[in-house]
Structure formats: structure tokens, C-alpha cells
């Protein structure tokens, strides 16, 4: 049986990603930056629910339930804001604005996947973040979070729930990044 590696997400619009790219570019010059695996711009998204490998036979039900989750959630204001880290392994940009609605949409996406038959881990507290870089080993990410902590991106309206397929990079190919493709998207609130 065929499957796809999927996650539900809210994607920032191009102008917001442009702003963030401008703020992140100088961070590549900081000491130790070459040791981090920087996320390509195509990988910048607010993951709501990671679904893992989903059997194709579950997709019609999943689409129906995610569409329902999107329609039950009104569009909301958002901006890329500040920064943070998960331990010494992931450096990210945060969010500001309708983060309560973003968390609600994350819970709804998680529940939709579970009800569609996708085996889901227990839903944990959701921290809205766009992953900018990862480290294989513990790294001191303080200089990066400090450099980006005052970042205030433009306000935009999150108006869509996307279902994204990720194709993992080929092992052993230096610099290879995952590839992402929005396979379905549903407008919020309609």
C-alpha cells in the first residue's frame, strides 16, 4: 500500500517570508553557523500537526475532516515574531497575533487526522514556530536567538489550512533538503 509523509500547516505569505529571509541572512555569518543545518525557505511553515506516513486509502476521509476543521476556524491575524530554541538542537522564529486561534487550529487538525484513522501521538502543548536551523549535536543557539529576538514581521491574515507532503532528502547527498509540496489547502472560515 502506498503512503505519503504529511503534515498540516499554516504557511507565511511571500512578503512575510522575504522579511524573515532578510533578517536571517546575516545569522549565517555568526560563529558556528556552518555547523547548523539551515532550513531552506521552502521549509518555513507553522506545522500544526505532523501526521507521518499516511496510507493513501485514508486520504479522502482526511481531506473531508481537515476541510471541516478549516471551515470551523475563522481567519486570524499573524506575524512572524521573535525567536526561540528547543534545547540546543533547533532554532526557530515565533509567532504573534492570533496564536490562540493558531493553537485551536492545531488541535482541530490533530483531531481530524486521528478521526480519519491516522495513528497520532498524544497532542502536546503547541508552540507556534518556524524552524530556521537544526543541529545534530547540542549547540549554543543563544547568539542566534538573541540576534532575532526583536524581529517583528509584517502582519498578515492566516486564511488557509494546508496539507503538505514532505519528501525526505536522499541520504549521503551533501546539502540536500527535504522537498515540500502543498497537496491540498482549504480556506478558513467559509
N, C-alpha and C. Protein backbone atom coordinates (compact mmCIF):
# COMPACT_ATOMS: atom_id res chain seq x y z
N UNK A 1 0.85 -1.19 0.00
CA UNK A 1 0.00 0.00 0.00
C UNK A 1 0.88 1.25 0.00
N UNK A 2 0.50 2.21 -0.76
CA UNK A 2 1.27 3.44 -0.90
C UNK A 2 0.92 4.42 0.21
N UNK A 3 1.90 5.23 0.62
CA UNK A 3 1.65 6.23 1.65
C UNK A 3 2.42 7.50 1.32
N UNK A 4 2.02 8.58 2.00
CA UNK A 4 2.68 9.87 1.85
C UNK A 4 3.02 10.40 3.24
N UNK A 5 4.17 11.05 3.36
CA UNK A 5 4.59 11.69 4.61
C UNK A 5 3.97 13.09 4.62
N UNK A 6 3.05 13.34 5.56
CA UNK A 6 2.22 14.55 5.53
C UNK A 6 2.23 15.30 6.86
N UNK A 7 1.96 16.59 6.76
CA UNK A 7 1.69 17.41 7.95
C UNK A 7 0.73 18.52 7.56
N UNK A 8 -0.02 19.00 8.55
CA UNK A 8 -0.92 20.14 8.37
C UNK A 8 -0.17 21.39 8.81
N UNK A 9 -0.36 22.49 8.08
CA UNK A 9 0.44 23.69 8.37
C UNK A 9 -0.27 24.96 7.93
N UNK A 10 0.20 26.07 8.49
CA UNK A 10 -0.10 27.41 8.00
C UNK A 10 1.20 27.95 7.43
N UNK A 11 1.15 28.41 6.18
CA UNK A 11 2.35 28.91 5.50
C UNK A 11 2.33 30.43 5.44
N UNK A 12 3.46 31.06 5.73
CA UNK A 12 3.50 32.53 5.63
C UNK A 12 3.47 32.96 4.17
N UNK A 13 2.88 34.12 3.88
CA UNK A 13 2.89 34.63 2.52
C UNK A 13 4.31 35.07 2.12
N UNK A 14 4.54 35.16 0.82
CA UNK A 14 5.88 35.51 0.31
C UNK A 14 6.45 36.78 0.92
N UNK A 15 5.69 37.89 1.02
CA UNK A 15 6.29 39.11 1.60
C UNK A 15 6.78 38.90 3.04
N UNK A 16 6.06 38.10 3.83
CA UNK A 16 6.48 37.83 5.21
C UNK A 16 7.74 36.97 5.20
N UNK A 17 7.80 36.00 4.30
CA UNK A 17 9.00 35.16 4.19
C UNK A 17 10.19 35.99 3.70
N UNK A 18 9.93 36.96 2.81
CA UNK A 18 11.00 37.85 2.33
C UNK A 18 11.62 38.62 3.50
N UNK A 19 10.76 39.17 4.36
CA UNK A 19 11.24 39.91 5.54
C UNK A 19 12.11 39.03 6.42
N UNK A 20 11.61 37.83 6.69
CA UNK A 20 12.35 36.91 7.55
C UNK A 20 13.68 36.53 6.91
N UNK A 21 13.68 36.28 5.62
CA UNK A 21 14.92 35.93 4.91
C UNK A 21 15.96 37.04 5.07
N UNK A 22 15.51 38.30 5.00
CA UNK A 22 16.42 39.42 5.19
C UNK A 22 17.01 39.47 6.58
N UNK A 23 16.21 39.09 7.58
CA UNK A 23 16.68 39.10 8.96
C UNK A 23 17.58 37.91 9.27
N UNK A 24 17.35 36.78 8.60
CA UNK A 24 18.10 35.56 8.87
C UNK A 24 19.44 35.54 8.15
N UNK A 25 19.52 36.16 6.98
CA UNK A 25 20.75 36.11 6.17
C UNK A 25 22.02 36.46 6.96
N UNK A 26 22.04 37.54 7.76
CA UNK A 26 23.26 37.86 8.49
C UNK A 26 23.65 36.81 9.55
N UNK A 27 22.68 36.00 9.99
CA UNK A 27 22.96 35.00 11.01
C UNK A 27 23.86 33.88 10.47
N UNK A 28 23.87 33.73 9.16
CA UNK A 28 24.73 32.71 8.54
C UNK A 28 26.22 33.05 8.70
N UNK A 29 26.50 34.29 9.08
CA UNK A 29 27.89 34.73 9.26
C UNK A 29 28.36 34.59 10.71
N UNK A 30 27.46 34.25 11.62
CA UNK A 30 27.84 34.13 13.03
C UNK A 30 28.76 32.92 13.23
N UNK A 31 29.63 32.99 14.25
CA UNK A 31 30.49 31.83 14.53
C UNK A 31 29.67 30.57 14.77
N UNK A 32 30.06 29.49 14.15
CA UNK A 32 29.37 28.22 14.32
C UNK A 32 28.22 27.98 13.37
N UNK A 33 27.85 29.00 12.58
CA UNK A 33 26.69 28.87 11.68
C UNK A 33 26.89 27.76 10.65
N UNK A 34 28.13 27.52 10.27
CA UNK A 34 28.40 26.47 9.26
C UNK A 34 28.09 25.08 9.81
N UNK A 35 28.03 24.94 11.14
CA UNK A 35 27.74 23.64 11.74
C UNK A 35 26.25 23.36 11.87
N UNK A 36 25.42 24.37 11.55
CA UNK A 36 23.97 24.18 11.62
C UNK A 36 23.43 23.77 10.25
N UNK A 37 22.34 23.02 10.27
CA UNK A 37 21.63 22.69 9.03
C UNK A 37 20.50 23.70 8.90
N UNK A 38 20.69 24.69 8.02
CA UNK A 38 19.73 25.76 7.86
C UNK A 38 18.56 25.27 7.01
N UNK A 39 17.36 25.58 7.45
CA UNK A 39 16.16 25.19 6.73
C UNK A 39 16.01 26.08 5.51
N UNK A 40 15.83 25.46 4.35
CA UNK A 40 15.58 26.24 3.13
C UNK A 40 14.26 26.99 3.29
N UNK A 41 14.16 28.10 2.63
CA UNK A 41 12.97 28.94 2.74
C UNK A 41 11.68 28.17 2.42
N UNK A 42 11.75 27.22 1.52
CA UNK A 42 10.58 26.40 1.17
C UNK A 42 10.09 25.58 2.38
N UNK A 43 10.93 25.43 3.39
CA UNK A 43 10.58 24.68 4.58
C UNK A 43 10.06 25.53 5.71
N UNK A 44 9.85 26.80 5.48
CA UNK A 44 9.34 27.69 6.53
C UNK A 44 7.83 27.59 6.59
N UNK A 45 7.33 27.04 7.67
CA UNK A 45 5.90 26.89 7.87
C UNK A 45 5.63 26.69 9.36
N UNK A 46 4.40 26.97 9.75
CA UNK A 46 3.96 26.68 11.11
C UNK A 46 3.27 25.31 11.06
N UNK A 47 3.99 24.27 11.44
CA UNK A 47 3.40 22.93 11.46
C UNK A 47 2.34 22.89 12.55
N UNK A 48 1.15 22.42 12.19
CA UNK A 48 0.04 22.30 13.14
C UNK A 48 -0.05 20.88 13.69
N UNK A 49 0.12 19.91 12.80
CA UNK A 49 0.03 18.50 13.20
C UNK A 49 0.89 17.69 12.24
N UNK A 50 1.82 16.93 12.78
CA UNK A 50 2.64 16.04 11.96
C UNK A 50 1.93 14.69 11.90
N UNK A 51 1.63 14.25 10.69
CA UNK A 51 0.83 13.04 10.51
C UNK A 51 1.69 11.82 10.19
N UNK A 52 2.93 12.03 9.80
CA UNK A 52 3.78 10.90 9.44
C UNK A 52 3.36 10.30 8.12
N UNK A 53 3.65 9.02 7.92
CA UNK A 53 3.29 8.33 6.69
C UNK A 53 1.82 7.93 6.75
N UNK A 54 1.04 8.47 5.83
CA UNK A 54 -0.41 8.26 5.80
C UNK A 54 -0.74 7.38 4.60
N UNK A 55 -1.43 6.27 4.87
CA UNK A 55 -1.86 5.39 3.79
C UNK A 55 -2.82 6.14 2.88
N UNK A 56 -2.64 5.95 1.56
CA UNK A 56 -3.46 6.66 0.57
C UNK A 56 -4.95 6.42 0.76
N UNK A 57 -5.33 5.23 1.25
CA UNK A 57 -6.75 4.92 1.42
C UNK A 57 -7.41 5.82 2.47
N UNK A 58 -6.61 6.44 3.36
CA UNK A 58 -7.16 7.33 4.39
C UNK A 58 -7.34 8.76 3.89
N UNK A 59 -6.77 9.08 2.73
CA UNK A 59 -6.76 10.48 2.28
C UNK A 59 -8.15 11.08 2.07
N UNK A 60 -9.11 10.41 1.42
CA UNK A 60 -10.41 11.06 1.25
C UNK A 60 -11.04 11.48 2.58
N UNK A 61 -11.01 10.61 3.58
CA UNK A 61 -11.56 10.96 4.89
C UNK A 61 -10.77 12.07 5.57
N UNK A 62 -9.45 12.02 5.40
CA UNK A 62 -8.60 13.06 5.97
C UNK A 62 -8.93 14.42 5.35
N UNK A 63 -9.06 14.45 4.02
CA UNK A 63 -9.39 15.71 3.34
C UNK A 63 -10.71 16.27 3.86
N UNK A 64 -11.72 15.43 4.00
CA UNK A 64 -13.03 15.86 4.47
C UNK A 64 -12.93 16.45 5.88
N UNK A 65 -12.20 15.77 6.75
CA UNK A 65 -12.11 16.23 8.15
C UNK A 65 -11.27 17.50 8.28
N UNK A 66 -10.19 17.61 7.51
CA UNK A 66 -9.37 18.84 7.55
C UNK A 66 -10.16 20.02 6.97
N UNK A 67 -10.93 19.76 5.92
CA UNK A 67 -11.76 20.83 5.36
C UNK A 67 -12.75 21.34 6.41
N UNK A 68 -13.34 20.42 7.15
CA UNK A 68 -14.28 20.78 8.22
C UNK A 68 -13.56 21.60 9.30
N UNK A 69 -12.37 21.18 9.67
CA UNK A 69 -11.58 21.92 10.68
C UNK A 69 -11.28 23.34 10.20
N UNK A 70 -10.95 23.47 8.92
CA UNK A 70 -10.66 24.80 8.35
C UNK A 70 -11.90 25.68 8.37
N UNK A 71 -13.03 25.11 7.94
CA UNK A 71 -14.27 25.90 7.88
C UNK A 71 -14.75 26.34 9.26
N UNK A 72 -14.43 25.56 10.29
CA UNK A 72 -14.85 25.90 11.65
C UNK A 72 -13.94 26.94 12.30
N UNK A 73 -12.85 27.30 11.63
CA UNK A 73 -11.86 28.23 12.20
C UNK A 73 -11.83 29.50 11.35
N UNK A 74 -12.09 30.64 11.99
CA UNK A 74 -12.08 31.91 11.26
C UNK A 74 -10.65 32.33 10.92
N UNK A 75 -10.46 33.08 9.80
CA UNK A 75 -9.14 33.64 9.52
C UNK A 75 -8.68 34.49 10.71
N UNK A 76 -7.36 34.60 10.88
CA UNK A 76 -6.84 35.30 12.04
C UNK A 76 -5.55 36.03 11.67
N UNK A 77 -5.26 37.13 12.42
CA UNK A 77 -4.03 37.88 12.15
C UNK A 77 -2.82 37.14 12.69
N UNK A 78 -1.72 37.26 11.99
CA UNK A 78 -0.50 36.61 12.42
C UNK A 78 0.69 37.44 11.95
N UNK A 79 1.80 37.27 12.60
CA UNK A 79 3.07 37.84 12.15
C UNK A 79 4.18 36.95 12.67
N UNK A 80 5.27 36.91 11.92
CA UNK A 80 6.46 36.21 12.39
C UNK A 80 7.09 37.13 13.41
N UNK A 81 7.39 36.59 14.58
CA UNK A 81 7.80 37.45 15.69
C UNK A 81 8.79 36.72 16.59
N UNK A 82 9.91 37.37 16.86
CA UNK A 82 10.85 36.87 17.85
C UNK A 82 11.49 35.55 17.46
N UNK A 83 12.06 34.90 18.46
CA UNK A 83 12.79 33.65 18.19
C UNK A 83 12.82 32.80 19.45
N UNK A 84 13.30 31.59 19.27
CA UNK A 84 13.44 30.68 20.40
C UNK A 84 14.24 29.47 19.97
N UNK A 85 14.30 28.50 20.89
CA UNK A 85 15.04 27.28 20.57
C UNK A 85 14.43 26.13 21.36
N UNK A 86 14.59 24.95 20.81
CA UNK A 86 14.26 23.73 21.53
C UNK A 86 15.59 23.11 21.89
N UNK A 87 15.91 23.14 23.18
CA UNK A 87 17.21 22.67 23.66
C UNK A 87 18.32 23.31 22.83
N UNK A 88 19.35 22.56 22.53
CA UNK A 88 20.42 23.08 21.68
C UNK A 88 20.35 22.48 20.30
N UNK A 89 19.13 22.07 19.90
CA UNK A 89 19.01 21.33 18.64
C UNK A 89 18.21 22.05 17.55
N UNK A 90 17.33 22.98 17.90
CA UNK A 90 16.52 23.65 16.89
C UNK A 90 16.38 25.13 17.23
N UNK A 91 16.60 25.97 16.24
CA UNK A 91 16.47 27.42 16.35
C UNK A 91 15.28 27.81 15.47
N UNK A 92 14.39 28.65 16.03
CA UNK A 92 13.17 28.98 15.30
C UNK A 92 12.75 30.43 15.48
N UNK A 93 11.87 30.86 14.57
CA UNK A 93 11.18 32.15 14.68
C UNK A 93 9.78 31.86 15.20
N UNK A 94 9.27 32.74 16.04
CA UNK A 94 7.98 32.53 16.65
C UNK A 94 6.84 33.20 15.91
N UNK A 95 5.73 33.38 16.61
CA UNK A 95 4.53 33.98 16.02
C UNK A 95 3.89 34.91 17.04
N UNK A 96 3.15 35.88 16.52
CA UNK A 96 2.40 36.81 17.37
C UNK A 96 1.10 37.13 16.64
N UNK A 97 0.08 37.44 17.40
CA UNK A 97 -1.22 37.77 16.82
C UNK A 97 -2.24 36.78 17.32
N UNK A 98 -2.90 36.12 16.38
CA UNK A 98 -3.95 35.17 16.74
C UNK A 98 -3.41 33.80 17.11
N UNK A 99 -2.47 33.77 18.05
CA UNK A 99 -1.84 32.50 18.40
C UNK A 99 -2.81 31.55 19.11
N UNK A 100 -3.83 32.09 19.80
CA UNK A 100 -4.83 31.20 20.40
C UNK A 100 -5.61 30.48 19.31
N UNK A 101 -5.93 31.19 18.24
CA UNK A 101 -6.64 30.57 17.12
C UNK A 101 -5.72 29.60 16.39
N UNK A 102 -4.45 29.92 16.29
CA UNK A 102 -3.48 29.01 15.67
C UNK A 102 -3.41 27.71 16.48
N UNK A 103 -3.39 27.83 17.81
CA UNK A 103 -3.37 26.64 18.67
C UNK A 103 -4.67 25.83 18.51
N UNK A 104 -5.80 26.52 18.41
CA UNK A 104 -7.08 25.86 18.20
C UNK A 104 -7.07 25.10 16.87
N UNK A 105 -6.55 25.73 15.83
CA UNK A 105 -6.46 25.07 14.52
C UNK A 105 -5.54 23.84 14.59
N UNK A 106 -4.47 23.94 15.37
CA UNK A 106 -3.56 22.80 15.56
C UNK A 106 -4.31 21.64 16.24
N UNK A 107 -5.09 21.94 17.26
CA UNK A 107 -5.87 20.89 17.94
C UNK A 107 -6.88 20.27 16.98
N UNK A 108 -7.53 21.12 16.20
CA UNK A 108 -8.54 20.61 15.25
C UNK A 108 -7.89 19.76 14.15
N UNK A 109 -6.73 20.16 13.66
CA UNK A 109 -6.04 19.38 12.62
C UNK A 109 -5.61 18.03 13.18
N UNK A 110 -5.12 18.03 14.41
CA UNK A 110 -4.70 16.80 15.07
C UNK A 110 -5.91 15.86 15.24
N UNK A 111 -7.02 16.41 15.71
CA UNK A 111 -8.23 15.60 15.91
C UNK A 111 -8.77 15.09 14.57
N UNK A 112 -8.72 15.91 13.53
CA UNK A 112 -9.20 15.50 12.20
C UNK A 112 -8.40 14.30 11.70
N UNK A 113 -7.09 14.36 11.87
CA UNK A 113 -6.24 13.25 11.42
C UNK A 113 -6.56 11.98 12.20
N UNK A 114 -6.68 12.12 13.51
CA UNK A 114 -6.98 10.96 14.36
C UNK A 114 -8.31 10.34 13.97
N UNK A 115 -9.34 11.18 13.78
CA UNK A 115 -10.67 10.67 13.42
C UNK A 115 -10.68 10.05 12.02
N UNK A 116 -9.76 10.46 11.17
CA UNK A 116 -9.66 9.88 9.82
C UNK A 116 -8.89 8.55 9.83
N UNK A 117 -8.41 8.16 11.02
CA UNK A 117 -7.72 6.88 11.13
C UNK A 117 -6.21 6.94 11.10
N UNK A 118 -5.65 8.16 11.13
CA UNK A 118 -4.20 8.32 11.15
C UNK A 118 -3.72 8.10 12.58
N UNK A 119 -2.78 7.17 12.80
CA UNK A 119 -2.27 6.97 14.17
C UNK A 119 -1.50 8.23 14.60
N UNK A 120 -1.99 8.90 15.62
CA UNK A 120 -1.38 10.15 16.08
C UNK A 120 -0.87 10.00 17.50
N UNK A 121 0.30 10.63 17.76
CA UNK A 121 0.78 10.71 19.14
C UNK A 121 -0.16 11.62 19.91
N UNK A 122 -0.09 11.56 21.23
CA UNK A 122 -0.91 12.44 22.05
C UNK A 122 -0.57 13.89 21.71
N UNK A 123 -1.62 14.72 21.59
CA UNK A 123 -1.41 16.14 21.27
C UNK A 123 -0.77 16.84 22.46
N UNK A 124 0.37 17.47 22.21
CA UNK A 124 1.07 18.19 23.28
C UNK A 124 0.81 19.68 23.17
N UNK A 125 1.23 20.42 24.19
CA UNK A 125 1.11 21.88 24.13
C UNK A 125 1.81 22.36 22.86
N UNK A 126 1.12 23.19 22.11
CA UNK A 126 1.62 23.66 20.82
C UNK A 126 2.39 24.96 20.97
N UNK A 127 3.62 24.98 20.50
CA UNK A 127 4.44 26.19 20.46
C UNK A 127 4.58 26.60 19.00
N UNK A 128 3.89 27.68 18.57
CA UNK A 128 3.99 28.09 17.17
C UNK A 128 5.43 28.48 16.83
N UNK A 129 5.98 27.86 15.78
CA UNK A 129 7.36 28.17 15.40
C UNK A 129 7.62 27.80 13.94
N UNK A 130 8.53 28.53 13.34
CA UNK A 130 9.06 28.25 12.00
C UNK A 130 10.50 27.82 12.23
N UNK A 131 10.84 26.58 11.94
CA UNK A 131 12.21 26.11 12.18
C UNK A 131 13.16 26.74 11.17
N UNK A 132 14.21 27.39 11.68
CA UNK A 132 15.20 28.05 10.83
C UNK A 132 16.47 27.24 10.69
N UNK A 133 16.87 26.52 11.75
CA UNK A 133 18.10 25.73 11.69
C UNK A 133 18.04 24.62 12.72
N UNK A 134 18.76 23.55 12.42
CA UNK A 134 18.87 22.42 13.36
C UNK A 134 20.34 22.08 13.54
N UNK A 135 20.60 21.41 14.66
CA UNK A 135 21.95 20.93 14.94
C UNK A 135 21.89 19.45 15.28
N UNK A 136 22.79 18.68 14.72
CA UNK A 136 22.84 17.24 15.03
C UNK A 136 23.26 17.04 16.48
N UNK A 137 24.16 17.88 16.97
CA UNK A 137 24.66 17.80 18.34
C UNK A 137 24.17 19.02 19.11
N UNK A 138 24.28 18.97 20.43
CA UNK A 138 23.95 20.14 21.24
C UNK A 138 24.79 21.32 20.77
N UNK A 139 24.14 22.45 20.56
CA UNK A 139 24.84 23.65 20.11
C UNK A 139 24.37 24.83 20.95
N UNK A 140 25.22 25.82 21.10
CA UNK A 140 24.83 27.05 21.79
C UNK A 140 24.10 27.93 20.78
N UNK A 141 22.79 27.94 20.87
CA UNK A 141 21.98 28.72 19.92
C UNK A 141 21.67 30.12 20.43
N UNK A 142 22.21 30.48 21.59
CA UNK A 142 21.95 31.78 22.19
C UNK A 142 22.27 32.95 21.25
N UNK A 143 23.41 32.96 20.55
CA UNK A 143 23.68 34.11 19.67
C UNK A 143 22.62 34.28 18.57
N UNK A 144 22.05 33.17 18.11
CA UNK A 144 21.05 33.24 17.05
C UNK A 144 19.72 33.74 17.59
N UNK A 145 19.29 33.19 18.73
CA UNK A 145 18.02 33.64 19.31
C UNK A 145 18.12 35.10 19.73
N UNK A 146 19.29 35.50 20.26
CA UNK A 146 19.47 36.91 20.67
C UNK A 146 19.41 37.84 19.47
N UNK A 147 19.99 37.41 18.35
CA UNK A 147 20.02 38.26 17.15
C UNK A 147 18.63 38.44 16.55
N UNK A 148 17.75 37.47 16.75
CA UNK A 148 16.43 37.53 16.12
C UNK A 148 15.30 37.84 17.10
N UNK A 149 15.62 37.95 18.41
CA UNK A 149 14.55 38.09 19.40
C UNK A 149 13.69 39.33 19.20
N UNK A 150 14.23 40.40 18.63
CA UNK A 150 13.45 41.61 18.42
C UNK A 150 12.75 41.66 17.07
N UNK A 151 12.83 40.59 16.30
CA UNK A 151 12.23 40.60 14.96
C UNK A 151 10.72 40.75 15.03
N UNK A 152 10.20 41.71 14.29
CA UNK A 152 8.76 41.98 14.19
C UNK A 152 8.40 41.99 12.72
N UNK A 153 7.88 40.90 12.22
CA UNK A 153 7.48 40.84 10.81
C UNK A 153 6.16 41.56 10.56
N UNK A 154 5.85 41.71 9.30
CA UNK A 154 4.60 42.35 8.90
C UNK A 154 3.40 41.51 9.36
N UNK A 155 2.27 42.19 9.58
CA UNK A 155 1.04 41.47 9.93
C UNK A 155 0.42 40.94 8.64
N UNK A 156 -0.14 39.75 8.73
CA UNK A 156 -0.85 39.17 7.60
C UNK A 156 -2.01 38.36 8.13
N UNK A 157 -2.91 37.97 7.26
CA UNK A 157 -4.06 37.18 7.70
C UNK A 157 -3.84 35.73 7.31
N UNK A 158 -3.84 34.87 8.31
CA UNK A 158 -3.78 33.43 8.05
C UNK A 158 -5.18 33.04 7.60
N UNK A 159 -5.30 32.62 6.36
CA UNK A 159 -6.62 32.34 5.81
C UNK A 159 -6.75 30.96 5.20
N UNK A 160 -5.75 30.08 5.45
CA UNK A 160 -5.77 28.78 4.80
C UNK A 160 -5.07 27.73 5.65
N UNK A 161 -5.63 26.53 5.63
CA UNK A 161 -5.02 25.36 6.25
C UNK A 161 -4.47 24.51 5.11
N UNK A 162 -3.17 24.22 5.15
CA UNK A 162 -2.56 23.43 4.10
C UNK A 162 -2.19 22.04 4.57
N UNK A 163 -2.32 21.08 3.69
CA UNK A 163 -1.82 19.73 3.92
C UNK A 163 -0.59 19.59 3.03
N UNK A 164 0.55 19.37 3.66
CA UNK A 164 1.83 19.42 2.95
C UNK A 164 2.46 18.03 2.95
N UNK A 165 2.99 17.65 1.79
CA UNK A 165 3.75 16.40 1.69
C UNK A 165 5.22 16.75 1.77
N UNK A 166 5.96 15.98 2.56
CA UNK A 166 7.41 16.19 2.62
C UNK A 166 8.09 14.94 2.09
N UNK A 167 9.00 15.17 1.17
CA UNK A 167 9.84 14.10 0.63
C UNK A 167 11.21 14.29 1.26
N UNK A 168 11.63 13.30 2.02
CA UNK A 168 12.90 13.41 2.73
C UNK A 168 14.07 13.44 1.77
N UNK A 169 15.17 14.08 2.19
CA UNK A 169 16.34 14.16 1.32
C UNK A 169 16.98 12.79 1.13
N UNK A 170 17.72 12.68 0.05
CA UNK A 170 18.45 11.45 -0.24
C UNK A 170 19.64 11.38 0.71
N UNK A 171 19.79 10.25 1.40
CA UNK A 171 20.92 10.07 2.32
C UNK A 171 22.24 10.19 1.57
N UNK A 172 23.19 10.84 2.20
CA UNK A 172 24.54 10.93 1.65
C UNK A 172 24.75 12.02 0.62
N UNK A 173 23.70 12.79 0.31
CA UNK A 173 23.86 13.89 -0.64
C UNK A 173 24.05 15.17 0.17
N UNK A 174 25.29 15.73 0.15
CA UNK A 174 25.55 16.93 0.96
C UNK A 174 24.63 18.09 0.57
N UNK A 175 24.10 18.74 1.60
CA UNK A 175 23.27 19.92 1.38
C UNK A 175 21.85 19.63 0.89
N UNK A 176 21.52 18.37 0.70
CA UNK A 176 20.18 18.00 0.24
C UNK A 176 19.15 18.37 1.32
N UNK A 177 18.06 18.97 0.90
CA UNK A 177 16.99 19.41 1.81
C UNK A 177 15.71 18.63 1.53
N UNK A 178 14.84 18.51 2.53
CA UNK A 178 13.52 17.92 2.24
C UNK A 178 12.80 18.80 1.20
N UNK A 179 11.93 18.18 0.43
CA UNK A 179 11.11 18.92 -0.53
C UNK A 179 9.67 18.92 -0.01
N UNK A 180 9.01 20.07 -0.13
CA UNK A 180 7.66 20.22 0.39
C UNK A 180 6.72 20.59 -0.75
N UNK A 181 5.53 20.02 -0.70
CA UNK A 181 4.52 20.33 -1.70
C UNK A 181 3.16 20.36 -1.01
N UNK A 182 2.43 21.45 -1.20
CA UNK A 182 1.07 21.55 -0.67
C UNK A 182 0.20 20.67 -1.56
N UNK A 183 -0.39 19.63 -0.99
CA UNK A 183 -1.21 18.71 -1.77
C UNK A 183 -2.69 19.09 -1.75
N UNK A 184 -3.11 19.75 -0.70
CA UNK A 184 -4.48 20.27 -0.59
C UNK A 184 -4.43 21.49 0.33
N UNK A 185 -5.36 22.42 0.11
CA UNK A 185 -5.48 23.58 1.00
C UNK A 185 -6.94 23.97 1.09
N UNK A 186 -7.35 24.41 2.26
CA UNK A 186 -8.73 24.77 2.49
C UNK A 186 -8.79 26.16 3.10
N UNK A 187 -9.70 27.02 2.59
CA UNK A 187 -9.83 28.35 3.18
C UNK A 187 -10.42 28.25 4.58
N UNK A 188 -9.99 29.14 5.44
CA UNK A 188 -10.54 29.19 6.80
C UNK A 188 -11.87 29.94 6.80
N UNK A 189 -12.77 29.46 7.63
CA UNK A 189 -13.99 30.20 7.96
C UNK A 189 -15.11 30.21 6.93
N UNK A 190 -14.99 29.49 5.82
CA UNK A 190 -16.05 29.55 4.83
C UNK A 190 -16.82 28.24 4.77
